[in-house]
Amino acid sequence: MISTIISNNKPFNIAIKLNSILIILFCLKVSSFCVAQQIIFADAGLEAASLSLQVKKELNFPDIKVQLGKNIAFQDFTVALTNFKSRANFVLSESEQAASRTIKLDNCDNFSDLKIQYGIDLPFPDVRIELRENGMADYLIYTENGLISAPELIACLLPLIREKAKK
């Protein structure tokens, strides 16, 4: 008897279907804002880092060459800094404990795990990264201390750089 009352109540069924559709649309909209962030701590004084990285403008026999600058032709991806931590794909942290990845930036170690040469005028670069100040960018970086150096920027983007260099 209860099922016949509910089935005869068509406005009630339509309201349930509309609520279901609204909940699904809301979940899809919220999920588009949820982006996984990588939190990186990069410093020259780390002893127990997961990776030792040597990043210089002039380097003999680099593993990867990165062209980095503004107005790069045929860029692999674009990067911009953001003031909003929630929008960033990569966060350069000041705290080693908060980081999911720790990288030792070592410019005088001959036995680094990875050697990367960067510059604006590199012949035959493996990866081309364009820095943008405004407009749309493929990836956003947030830094907790406000300033970021080129080696720190490359350390943040290391997973992307390694992926593009493999191709």
Protein backbone atom coordinates (compact mmCIF):
# COMPACT_ATOMS: atom_id res chain seq x y z
CA MET A 1 0.00 0.00 0.00
CA ILE A 2 2.86 2.38 0.78
CA SER A 3 4.46 1.63 -2.60
CA THR A 4 1.26 2.48 -4.41
CA ILE A 5 1.04 5.80 -2.57
CA ILE A 6 4.65 6.68 -3.45
CA SER A 7 4.32 5.54 -7.08
CA ASN A 8 1.13 7.58 -7.49
CA ASN A 9 2.93 10.66 -6.14
CA LYS A 10 4.72 11.75 -9.37
CA PRO A 11 5.91 15.20 -8.13
CA PHE A 12 7.65 13.45 -5.23
CA ASN A 13 9.55 11.13 -7.64
CA ILE A 14 10.55 14.02 -9.87
CA ALA A 15 11.88 15.96 -6.87
CA ILE A 16 14.04 12.98 -5.81
CA LYS A 17 15.45 12.65 -9.35
CA LEU A 18 16.21 16.37 -9.53
CA ASN A 19 17.95 16.25 -6.15
CA SER A 20 20.04 13.30 -7.33
CA ILE A 21 21.04 15.13 -10.49
CA LEU A 22 21.95 18.28 -8.53
CA ILE A 23 24.08 16.27 -6.09
CA ILE A 24 25.94 14.60 -8.97
CA LEU A 25 26.56 17.95 -10.69
CA PHE A 26 27.76 19.46 -7.41
CA CYS A 27 30.19 16.56 -6.85
CA LEU A 28 31.57 16.93 -10.36
CA LYS A 29 32.09 20.66 -9.86
CA VAL A 30 33.81 20.17 -6.50
CA SER A 31 36.04 17.41 -7.86
CA SER A 32 37.32 19.75 -10.57
CA PHE A 33 38.73 22.02 -7.83
CA CYS A 34 40.46 19.17 -6.00
CA VAL A 35 43.98 18.97 -7.41
CA ALA A 36 46.78 16.94 -5.93
CA GLN A 37 49.62 19.11 -4.70
CA GLN A 38 53.23 18.10 -4.45
CA ILE A 39 55.02 19.71 -1.52
CA ILE A 40 58.77 20.02 -2.03
CA PHE A 41 61.56 21.04 0.30
CA ALA A 42 64.77 21.92 -1.57
CA ASP A 43 67.90 23.06 0.25
CA ALA A 44 71.66 22.80 -0.08
CA GLY A 45 72.16 21.77 3.55
CA LEU A 46 70.13 18.55 3.55
CA GLU A 47 71.94 15.43 4.64
CA ALA A 48 69.21 12.78 4.28
CA ALA A 49 67.48 13.97 1.11
CA SER A 50 65.68 11.58 -1.22
CA LEU A 51 67.57 13.04 -4.20
CA SER A 52 70.77 14.98 -4.76
CA LEU A 53 70.39 17.43 -7.63
CA GLN A 54 73.02 19.57 -9.29
CA VAL A 55 71.52 22.49 -11.24
CA LYS A 56 73.85 24.98 -12.97
CA LYS A 57 73.94 27.26 -15.99
CA GLU A 58 77.29 25.84 -17.07
CA LEU A 59 77.76 22.13 -16.56
CA ASN A 60 79.89 19.48 -18.25
CA PHE A 61 77.99 16.38 -19.36
CA PRO A 62 74.53 17.16 -17.95
CA ASP A 63 71.90 14.44 -17.75
CA ILE A 64 69.15 16.86 -18.84
CA LYS A 65 69.23 20.27 -20.54
CA VAL A 66 66.39 22.67 -19.70
CA GLN A 67 65.66 25.83 -21.63
CA LEU A 68 64.04 28.18 -19.12
CA GLY A 69 62.78 31.70 -19.75
CA LYS A 70 60.06 33.97 -21.10
CA ASN A 71 58.83 33.75 -24.69
CA ILE A 72 60.22 30.27 -25.34
CA ALA A 73 59.30 28.94 -28.77
CA PHE A 74 57.81 25.42 -28.89
CA GLN A 75 57.63 25.11 -25.11
CA ASP A 76 56.80 21.74 -23.55
CA PHE A 77 54.80 23.42 -20.78
CA THR A 78 54.27 26.79 -19.13
CA VAL A 79 54.74 27.73 -15.47
CA ALA A 80 53.60 30.67 -13.36
CA LEU A 81 53.87 31.63 -9.71
CA THR A 82 50.71 32.04 -7.70
CA ASN A 83 49.87 33.82 -4.45
CA PHE A 84 47.27 31.18 -3.55
CA LYS A 85 48.51 27.93 -2.06
CA SER A 86 45.21 26.19 -2.77
CA ARG A 87 45.57 26.78 -6.54
CA ALA A 88 49.17 25.56 -6.83
CA ASN A 89 50.21 22.27 -8.36
CA PHE A 90 53.60 22.47 -6.65
CA VAL A 91 54.39 24.03 -3.27
CA LEU A 92 57.94 24.94 -2.29
CA SER A 93 57.87 24.54 1.46
CA GLU A 94 60.10 26.05 4.14
CA SER A 95 59.51 23.02 6.35
CA GLU A 96 61.22 19.71 5.74
CA GLN A 97 58.59 17.89 7.84
CA ALA A 98 55.68 19.15 5.72
CA ALA A 99 57.29 18.09 2.44
CA SER A 100 56.40 14.97 0.51
CA ARG A 101 59.72 15.20 -1.36
CA THR A 102 63.10 16.45 -0.16
CA ILE A 103 65.80 17.46 -2.64
CA LYS A 104 69.38 18.42 -1.91
CA LEU A 105 70.45 21.25 -4.21
CA ASP A 106 74.17 20.70 -4.44
CA ASN A 107 76.25 22.82 -6.79
CA CYS A 108 79.66 21.47 -5.82
CA ASP A 109 79.01 17.73 -5.49
CA ASN A 110 80.51 15.68 -8.30
CA PHE A 111 78.44 12.65 -7.34
CA SER A 112 74.92 14.05 -7.65
CA ASP A 113 72.06 11.73 -8.54
CA LEU A 114 71.01 14.02 -11.39
CA LYS A 115 72.75 16.88 -13.21
CA ILE A 116 70.65 19.51 -14.97
CA GLN A 117 71.93 22.38 -17.07
CA TYR A 118 69.56 25.32 -17.57
CA GLY A 119 69.58 28.57 -19.50
CA ILE A 120 67.72 30.59 -22.05
CA ASP A 121 70.03 29.89 -25.03
CA LEU A 122 70.88 26.19 -24.77
CA PRO A 123 71.60 24.23 -27.93
CA PHE A 124 69.31 21.19 -28.32
CA PRO A 125 67.49 21.31 -24.97
CA ASP A 126 65.65 18.24 -23.74
CA VAL A 127 62.85 20.29 -22.13
CA ARG A 128 61.58 23.80 -22.86
CA ILE A 129 59.78 25.66 -20.05
CA GLU A 130 58.18 29.06 -20.51
CA LEU A 131 57.77 31.29 -17.47
CA ARG A 132 54.64 33.41 -17.45
CA GLU A 133 53.83 36.38 -15.28
CA ASN A 134 50.17 36.62 -16.20
CA GLY A 135 47.58 34.73 -18.13
CA MET A 136 47.04 31.00 -18.20
CA ALA A 137 49.79 28.52 -17.36
CA ASP A 138 49.91 24.73 -17.40
CA TYR A 139 51.31 24.52 -13.86
CA LEU A 140 51.25 26.87 -10.87
CA ILE A 141 53.91 27.08 -8.18
CA TYR A 142 53.49 28.55 -4.71
CA THR A 143 56.50 29.35 -2.57
CA GLU A 144 56.21 29.96 1.15
CA ASN A 145 59.15 32.35 1.36
CA GLY A 146 58.02 34.54 -1.57
CA LEU A 147 61.15 34.19 -3.70
CA ILE A 148 62.21 31.30 -5.90
CA SER A 149 65.50 30.68 -7.67
CA ALA A 150 65.93 28.84 -10.96
CA PRO A 151 67.39 25.72 -9.25
CA GLU A 152 64.44 25.65 -6.82
CA LEU A 153 62.00 26.04 -9.71
CA ILE A 154 63.63 23.15 -11.55
CA ALA A 155 63.59 21.05 -8.38
CA CYS A 156 59.83 21.67 -8.05
CA LEU A 157 59.19 20.67 -11.64
CA LEU A 158 61.52 17.68 -11.60
CA PRO A 159 58.83 14.98 -12.19
CA LEU A 160 57.56 16.88 -15.25
CA ILE A 161 61.08 17.51 -16.53
CA ARG A 162 62.06 13.87 -16.21
CA GLU A 163 58.87 12.77 -17.98
CA LYS A 164 59.39 15.17 -20.90
CA ALA A 165 63.10 14.33 -21.17
CA LYS A 166 62.31 10.62 -21.61
CA LYS A 167 60.31 11.29 -24.80
